[in-house]
All heavy atoms as atom14 arrays in JSON, in Angstrom:
{
  "sequence": "SPSFLQIKDRLFSFFPHFCVVGMLFEHTNKYKIV",
  "atom14_mask": [
    [1, 1, 1, 1, 1, 1, 0, 0, 0, 0, 0, 0, 0, 0],
    [1, 1, 1, 1, 1, 1, 1, 0, 0, 0, 0, 0, 0, 0],
    [1, 1, 1, 1, 1, 1, 0, 0, 0, 0, 0, 0, 0, 0],
    [1, 1, 1, 1, 1, 1, 1, 1, 1, 1, 1, 0, 0, 0],
    [1, 1, 1, 1, 1, 1, 1, 1, 0, 0, 0, 0, 0, 0],
    [1, 1, 1, 1, 1, 1, 1, 1, 1, 0, 0, 0, 0, 0],
    [1, 1, 1, 1, 1, 1, 1, 1, 0, 0, 0, 0, 0, 0],
    [1, 1, 1, 1, 1, 1, 1, 1, 1, 0, 0, 0, 0, 0],
    [1, 1, 1, 1, 1, 1, 1, 1, 0, 0, 0, 0, 0, 0],
    [1, 1, 1, 1, 1, 1, 1, 1, 1, 1, 1, 0, 0, 0],
    [1, 1, 1, 1, 1, 1, 1, 1, 0, 0, 0, 0, 0, 0],
    [1, 1, 1, 1, 1, 1, 1, 1, 1, 1, 1, 0, 0, 0],
    [1, 1, 1, 1, 1, 1, 0, 0, 0, 0, 0, 0, 0, 0],
    [1, 1, 1, 1, 1, 1, 1, 1, 1, 1, 1, 0, 0, 0],
    [1, 1, 1, 1, 1, 1, 1, 1, 1, 1, 1, 0, 0, 0],
    [1, 1, 1, 1, 1, 1, 1, 0, 0, 0, 0, 0, 0, 0],
    [1, 1, 1, 1, 1, 1, 1, 1, 1, 1, 0, 0, 0, 0],
    [1, 1, 1, 1, 1, 1, 1, 1, 1, 1, 1, 0, 0, 0],
    [1, 1, 1, 1, 1, 1, 0, 0, 0, 0, 0, 0, 0, 0],
    [1, 1, 1, 1, 1, 1, 1, 0, 0, 0, 0, 0, 0, 0],
    [1, 1, 1, 1, 1, 1, 1, 0, 0, 0, 0, 0, 0, 0],
    [1, 1, 1, 1, 0, 0, 0, 0, 0, 0, 0, 0, 0, 0],
    [1, 1, 1, 1, 1, 1, 1, 1, 0, 0, 0, 0, 0, 0],
    [1, 1, 1, 1, 1, 1, 1, 1, 0, 0, 0, 0, 0, 0],
    [1, 1, 1, 1, 1, 1, 1, 1, 1, 1, 1, 0, 0, 0],
    [1, 1, 1, 1, 1, 1, 1, 1, 1, 0, 0, 0, 0, 0],
    [1, 1, 1, 1, 1, 1, 1, 1, 1, 1, 0, 0, 0, 0],
    [1, 1, 1, 1, 1, 1, 1, 0, 0, 0, 0, 0, 0, 0],
    [1, 1, 1, 1, 1, 1, 1, 1, 0, 0, 0, 0, 0, 0],
    [1, 1, 1, 1, 1, 1, 1, 1, 1, 0, 0, 0, 0, 0],
    [1, 1, 1, 1, 1, 1, 1, 1, 1, 1, 1, 1, 0, 0],
    [1, 1, 1, 1, 1, 1, 1, 1, 1, 0, 0, 0, 0, 0],
    [1, 1, 1, 1, 1, 1, 1, 1, 0, 0, 0, 0, 0, 0],
    [1, 1, 1, 1, 1, 1, 1, 0, 0, 0, 0, 0, 0, 0]
  ],
  "atom14_positions": [
    [[-23.79, -14.0, -48.97], [-24.65, -15.2, -49.43], [-25.19, -15.94, -48.29], [-24.7, -16.08, -47.3], [-23.7, -16.18, -50.44], [-22.79, -16.72, -49.61], [0.0, 0.0, 0.0], [0.0, 0.0, 0.0], [0.0, 0.0, 0.0], [0.0, 0.0, 0.0], [0.0, 0.0, 0.0], [0.0, 0.0, 0.0], [0.0, 0.0, 0.0], [0.0, 0.0, 0.0]],
    [[-26.37, -16.66, -48.55], [-26.98, -17.47, -47.57], [-26.03, -18.57, -47.19], [-26.13, -18.94, -45.94], [-28.26, -17.94, -48.12], [-28.61, -16.94, -49.18], [-27.21, -16.38, -49.77], [0.0, 0.0, 0.0], [0.0, 0.0, 0.0], [0.0, 0.0, 0.0], [0.0, 0.0, 0.0], [0.0, 0.0, 0.0], [0.0, 0.0, 0.0], [0.0, 0.0, 0.0]],
    [[-25.29, -19.23, -47.98], [-24.4, -20.24, -47.77], [-23.41, -19.92, -46.78], [-22.97, -20.73, -45.85], [-23.83, -20.87, -48.92], [-23.08, -19.83, -49.66], [0.0, 0.0, 0.0], [0.0, 0.0, 0.0], [0.0, 0.0, 0.0], [0.0, 0.0, 0.0], [0.0, 0.0, 0.0], [0.0, 0.0, 0.0], [0.0, 0.0, 0.0], [0.0, 0.0, 0.0]],
    [[-22.84, -18.61, -46.83], [-21.79, -18.22, -45.9], [-22.45, -17.87, -44.57], [-21.93, -18.11, -43.53], [-20.97, -17.05, -46.46], [-20.07, -16.51, -45.39], [-18.8, -17.23, -45.03], [-20.29, -15.43, -44.58], [-17.97, -16.84, -44.17], [-19.44, -14.97, -43.6], [-18.25, -15.58, -43.34], [0.0, 0.0, 0.0], [0.0, 0.0, 0.0], [0.0, 0.0, 0.0]],
    [[-23.67, -17.17, -44.67], [-24.21, -16.59, -43.42], [-24.53, -17.82, -42.42], [-24.59, -17.63, -41.27], [-25.43, -15.84, -43.76], [-25.18, -14.51, -44.43], [-26.43, -13.79, -44.88], [-24.38, -13.58, -43.62], [0.0, 0.0, 0.0], [0.0, 0.0, 0.0], [0.0, 0.0, 0.0], [0.0, 0.0, 0.0], [0.0, 0.0, 0.0], [0.0, 0.0, 0.0]],
    [[-24.75, -19.02, -43.06], [-25.21, -20.09, -42.19], [-24.05, -20.6, -41.32], [-24.12, -21.29, -40.38], [-25.8, -21.21, -43.0], [-24.87, -21.98, -43.83], [-25.48, -23.14, -44.52], [-26.6, -23.52, -44.29], [-24.69, -23.89, -45.36], [0.0, 0.0, 0.0], [0.0, 0.0, 0.0], [0.0, 0.0, 0.0], [0.0, 0.0, 0.0], [0.0, 0.0, 0.0]],
    [[-22.78, -20.3, -41.79], [-21.52, -20.69, -40.95], [-20.78, -19.59, -40.38], [-19.77, -19.74, -39.64], [-20.58, -21.51, -41.89], [-19.9, -20.61, -42.87], [-21.24, -22.74, -42.57], [-18.68, -21.29, -43.63], [0.0, 0.0, 0.0], [0.0, 0.0, 0.0], [0.0, 0.0, 0.0], [0.0, 0.0, 0.0], [0.0, 0.0, 0.0], [0.0, 0.0, 0.0]],
    [[-21.29, -18.37, -40.56], [-20.55, -17.15, -40.02], [-20.16, -17.25, -38.57], [-19.04, -17.04, -38.26], [-21.54, -16.0, -40.32], [-20.89, -14.55, -39.84], [-21.86, -13.53, -40.08], [-21.29, -12.19, -39.53], [-22.27, -11.1, -39.74], [0.0, 0.0, 0.0], [0.0, 0.0, 0.0], [0.0, 0.0, 0.0], [0.0, 0.0, 0.0], [0.0, 0.0, 0.0]],
    [[-21.07, -17.66, -37.75], [-20.83, -17.73, -36.31], [-20.05, -18.96, -35.89], [-19.61, -19.13, -34.8], [-22.18, -17.65, -35.51], [-22.93, -16.37, -35.63], [-22.3, -15.34, -35.96], [-24.08, -16.37, -35.63], [0.0, 0.0, 0.0], [0.0, 0.0, 0.0], [0.0, 0.0, 0.0], [0.0, 0.0, 0.0], [0.0, 0.0, 0.0], [0.0, 0.0, 0.0]],
    [[-19.86, -19.89, -36.85], [-19.16, -21.06, -36.57], [-17.62, -20.94, -37.11], [-16.82, -21.92, -36.91], [-19.77, -22.32, -37.22], [-21.08, -22.63, -36.6], [-21.75, -23.78, -37.51], [-22.9, -24.35, -36.97], [-24.17, -23.96, -37.15], [-24.29, -22.93, -38.04], [-25.19, -24.52, -36.7], [0.0, 0.0, 0.0], [0.0, 0.0, 0.0], [0.0, 0.0, 0.0]],
    [[-17.32, -19.89, -37.79], [-15.98, -19.71, -38.45], [-15.04, -19.02, -37.46], [-15.3, -18.04, -36.97], [-16.16, -18.83, -39.78], [-14.86, -18.53, -40.47], [-14.11, -19.8, -40.8], [-15.19, -17.66, -41.68], [0.0, 0.0, 0.0], [0.0, 0.0, 0.0], [0.0, 0.0, 0.0], [0.0, 0.0, 0.0], [0.0, 0.0, 0.0], [0.0, 0.0, 0.0]],
    [[-13.79, -19.59, -37.39], [-12.71, -19.14, -36.56], [-11.48, -19.13, -37.51], [-11.05, -20.05, -37.88], [-12.52, -19.99, -35.31], [-13.72, -20.07, -34.45], [-14.65, -21.1, -34.64], [-14.12, -19.13, -33.48], [-15.78, -21.23, -33.91], [-15.16, -19.16, -32.71], [-16.05, -20.25, -32.92], [0.0, 0.0, 0.0], [0.0, 0.0, 0.0], [0.0, 0.0, 0.0]],
    [[-10.95, -17.91, -37.67], [-9.79, -17.69, -38.57], [-8.59, -17.18, -37.81], [-8.73, -16.27, -36.94], [-10.13, -16.74, -39.71], [-11.18, -17.28, -40.55], [0.0, 0.0, 0.0], [0.0, 0.0, 0.0], [0.0, 0.0, 0.0], [0.0, 0.0, 0.0], [0.0, 0.0, 0.0], [0.0, 0.0, 0.0], [0.0, 0.0, 0.0], [0.0, 0.0, 0.0]],
    [[-7.47, -17.73, -38.04], [-6.19, -17.21, -37.46], [-5.14, -17.08, -38.54], [-5.02, -17.84, -39.38], [-5.61, -18.47, -36.54], [-6.63, -18.79, -35.39], [-7.7, -19.7, -35.59], [-6.38, -18.19, -34.1], [-8.52, -19.99, -34.46], [-7.17, -18.54, -33.07], [-8.3, -19.37, -33.23], [0.0, 0.0, 0.0], [0.0, 0.0, 0.0], [0.0, 0.0, 0.0]],
    [[-4.47, -15.94, -38.36], [-3.39, -15.5, -39.32], [-2.07, -15.18, -38.63], [-2.19, -14.6, -37.51], [-3.9, -14.34, -40.16], [-5.18, -14.57, -40.88], [-6.43, -13.99, -40.47], [-5.25, -15.38, -42.06], [-7.63, -14.23, -41.04], [-6.42, -15.71, -42.68], [-7.63, -15.15, -42.24], [0.0, 0.0, 0.0], [0.0, 0.0, 0.0], [0.0, 0.0, 0.0]],
    [[-0.98, -15.36, -39.25], [0.35, -14.96, -38.65], [0.51, -13.44, -38.67], [-0.2, -12.78, -39.46], [1.29, -15.67, -39.47], [0.66, -15.74, -40.85], [-0.79, -16.03, -40.59], [0.0, 0.0, 0.0], [0.0, 0.0, 0.0], [0.0, 0.0, 0.0], [0.0, 0.0, 0.0], [0.0, 0.0, 0.0], [0.0, 0.0, 0.0], [0.0, 0.0, 0.0]],
    [[1.41, -12.97, -37.86], [1.64, -11.56, -37.77], [2.07, -10.97, -39.14], [1.6, -9.93, -39.67], [2.81, -11.21, -36.7], [3.3, -9.92, -36.7], [2.42, -8.84, -36.4], [4.55, -9.37, -36.71], [3.08, -7.74, -36.4], [4.36, -7.96, -36.6], [0.0, 0.0, 0.0], [0.0, 0.0, 0.0], [0.0, 0.0, 0.0], [0.0, 0.0, 0.0]],
    [[3.07, -11.71, -39.89], [3.4, -11.29, -41.27], [2.58, -12.22, -42.11], [2.87, -13.3, -42.45], [4.85, -11.63, -41.47], [5.36, -11.19, -42.77], [6.08, -9.88, -42.76], [5.18, -11.76, -43.9], [6.55, -9.31, -44.0], [5.57, -11.24, -45.17], [6.36, -10.03, -45.19], [0.0, 0.0, 0.0], [0.0, 0.0, 0.0], [0.0, 0.0, 0.0]],
    [[1.49, -11.58, -42.51], [0.43, -12.5, -43.27], [0.21, -11.91, -44.73], [-0.01, -10.69, -44.94], [-0.85, -12.31, -42.59], [-2.26, -13.32, -43.39], [0.0, 0.0, 0.0], [0.0, 0.0, 0.0], [0.0, 0.0, 0.0], [0.0, 0.0, 0.0], [0.0, 0.0, 0.0], [0.0, 0.0, 0.0], [0.0, 0.0, 0.0], [0.0, 0.0, 0.0]],
    [[0.54, -12.69, -45.69], [0.32, -12.39, -47.11], [-0.69, -13.43, -47.7], [-1.69, -12.92, -48.3], [1.69, -12.52, -47.87], [1.38, -12.3, -49.41], [2.61, -11.36, -47.42], [0.0, 0.0, 0.0], [0.0, 0.0, 0.0], [0.0, 0.0, 0.0], [0.0, 0.0, 0.0], [0.0, 0.0, 0.0], [0.0, 0.0, 0.0], [0.0, 0.0, 0.0]],
    [[-0.45, -14.65, -47.56], [-1.41, -15.65, -48.22], [-2.79, -15.5, -47.7], [-3.75, -15.5, -48.36], [-0.8, -17.02, -47.92], [-1.76, -18.1, -48.41], [0.51, -17.28, -48.52], [0.0, 0.0, 0.0], [0.0, 0.0, 0.0], [0.0, 0.0, 0.0], [0.0, 0.0, 0.0], [0.0, 0.0, 0.0], [0.0, 0.0, 0.0], [0.0, 0.0, 0.0]],
    [[-2.86, -15.56, -46.4], [-4.31, -15.44, -45.72], [-5.03, -14.23, -46.08], [-6.27, -14.25, -46.1], [0.0, 0.0, 0.0], [0.0, 0.0, 0.0], [0.0, 0.0, 0.0], [0.0, 0.0, 0.0], [0.0, 0.0, 0.0], [0.0, 0.0, 0.0], [0.0, 0.0, 0.0], [0.0, 0.0, 0.0], [0.0, 0.0, 0.0], [0.0, 0.0, 0.0]],
    [[-4.36, -13.12, -46.29], [-4.99, -11.84, -46.45], [-5.31, -11.58, -48.0], [-5.87, -10.58, -48.33], [-4.21, -10.63, -45.93], [-4.28, -10.51, -44.46], [-5.97, -9.91, -43.84], [-6.58, -11.62, -43.22], [0.0, 0.0, 0.0], [0.0, 0.0, 0.0], [0.0, 0.0, 0.0], [0.0, 0.0, 0.0], [0.0, 0.0, 0.0], [0.0, 0.0, 0.0]],
    [[-5.08, -12.6, -48.88], [-5.42, -12.53, -50.14], [-6.96, -12.52, -50.38], [-7.59, -13.41, -49.68], [-4.79, -13.61, -51.05], [-3.12, -13.71, -50.95], [-2.73, -14.74, -51.98], [-2.67, -12.26, -51.4], [0.0, 0.0, 0.0], [0.0, 0.0, 0.0], [0.0, 0.0, 0.0], [0.0, 0.0, 0.0], [0.0, 0.0, 0.0], [0.0, 0.0, 0.0]],
    [[-7.52, -11.61, -51.08], [-8.93, -11.48, -51.36], [-9.57, -11.06, -50.09], [-8.94, -10.54, -49.14], [-9.61, -12.78, -51.91], [-8.77, -13.31, -53.18], [-8.02, -14.46, -53.06], [-8.97, -12.59, -54.29], [-7.44, -14.91, -54.23], [-8.43, -13.04, -55.43], [-7.6, -14.18, -55.45], [0.0, 0.0, 0.0], [0.0, 0.0, 0.0], [0.0, 0.0, 0.0]],
    [[-10.89, -11.11, -50.01], [-11.57, -10.44, -48.87], [-11.86, -11.47, -47.73], [-11.85, -12.59, -47.96], [-12.96, -9.97, -49.35], [-12.88, -8.97, -50.52], [-12.26, -7.66, -50.09], [-12.42, -7.28, -48.92], [-11.74, -6.95, -50.97], [0.0, 0.0, 0.0], [0.0, 0.0, 0.0], [0.0, 0.0, 0.0], [0.0, 0.0, 0.0], [0.0, 0.0, 0.0]],
    [[-11.94, -10.88, -46.52], [-12.26, -11.55, -45.28], [-13.29, -10.8, -44.43], [-13.47, -9.67, -44.7], [-11.01, -11.84, -44.47], [-10.05, -12.97, -44.89], [-10.48, -14.21, -44.64], [-9.02, -12.91, -45.6], [-9.46, -14.94, -45.13], [-8.59, -14.29, -45.76], [0.0, 0.0, 0.0], [0.0, 0.0, 0.0], [0.0, 0.0, 0.0], [0.0, 0.0, 0.0]],
    [[-13.86, -11.52, -43.55], [-14.61, -10.78, -42.57], [-13.71, -10.2, -41.44], [-12.53, -10.5, -41.59], [-15.6, -11.8, -41.82], [-14.87, -12.66, -40.9], [-16.5, -12.56, -42.79], [0.0, 0.0, 0.0], [0.0, 0.0, 0.0], [0.0, 0.0, 0.0], [0.0, 0.0, 0.0], [0.0, 0.0, 0.0], [0.0, 0.0, 0.0], [0.0, 0.0, 0.0]],
    [[-14.25, -9.47, -40.58], [-13.39, -8.84, -39.52], [-13.24, -9.66, -38.37], [-12.56, -9.2, -37.38], [-13.97, -7.44, -39.17], [-13.79, -6.43, -40.28], [-12.93, -6.39, -41.02], [-14.76, -5.58, -40.4], [0.0, 0.0, 0.0], [0.0, 0.0, 0.0], [0.0, 0.0, 0.0], [0.0, 0.0, 0.0], [0.0, 0.0, 0.0], [0.0, 0.0, 0.0]],
    [[-13.65, -10.85, -38.37], [-13.66, -11.78, -37.25], [-12.37, -12.73, -37.47], [-12.54, -13.77, -38.16], [-14.88, -12.53, -37.15], [-14.96, -13.55, -35.99], [-16.22, -14.36, -36.13], [-16.19, -15.51, -35.0], [-17.3, -16.34, -35.11], [0.0, 0.0, 0.0], [0.0, 0.0, 0.0], [0.0, 0.0, 0.0], [0.0, 0.0, 0.0], [0.0, 0.0, 0.0]],
    [[-11.29, -12.37, -36.89], [-10.07, -13.28, -36.96], [-9.1, -12.85, -35.84], [-9.23, -11.79, -35.29], [-9.36, -13.16, -38.27], [-9.05, -11.72, -38.73], [-7.84, -11.08, -38.24], [-9.74, -11.12, -39.72], [-7.54, -9.71, -38.63], [-9.39, -9.76, -40.09], [-8.3, -9.17, -39.6], [-7.89, -7.9, -39.92], [0.0, 0.0, 0.0], [0.0, 0.0, 0.0]],
    [[-8.17, -13.84, -35.61], [-7.04, -13.39, -34.64], [-5.74, -13.57, -35.31], [-5.53, -14.31, -36.22], [-7.24, -14.48, -33.45], [-8.59, -14.29, -32.67], [-8.61, -15.18, -31.54], [-9.98, -14.99, -30.68], [-10.0, -15.88, -29.48], [0.0, 0.0, 0.0], [0.0, 0.0, 0.0], [0.0, 0.0, 0.0], [0.0, 0.0, 0.0], [0.0, 0.0, 0.0]],
    [[-4.76, -12.72, -34.71], [-3.41, -12.64, -35.27], [-2.43, -13.34, -34.32], [-2.41, -13.04, -33.16], [-3.05, -11.21, -35.48], [-4.11, -10.52, -36.49], [-1.58, -11.09, -36.13], [-3.84, -9.07, -36.65], [0.0, 0.0, 0.0], [0.0, 0.0, 0.0], [0.0, 0.0, 0.0], [0.0, 0.0, 0.0], [0.0, 0.0, 0.0], [0.0, 0.0, 0.0]],
    [[-1.69, -14.27, -34.84], [-0.76, -15.12, -34.03], [0.66, -14.68, -34.18], [1.22, -14.37, -35.23], [-0.88, -16.57, -34.4], [-0.1, -17.41, -33.53], [-2.3, -17.02, -34.48], [0.0, 0.0, 0.0], [0.0, 0.0, 0.0], [0.0, 0.0, 0.0], [0.0, 0.0, 0.0], [0.0, 0.0, 0.0], [0.0, 0.0, 0.0], [0.0, 0.0, 0.0]]
  ]
}
């Protein structure tokens, strides 16, 4: 969607090594694992 594409390059996502909550539903491939 245009609304997401306007923030795509401004989005920074971090998830824990054992991740369940954060991986619910879809994500982009741009994230880091802590």
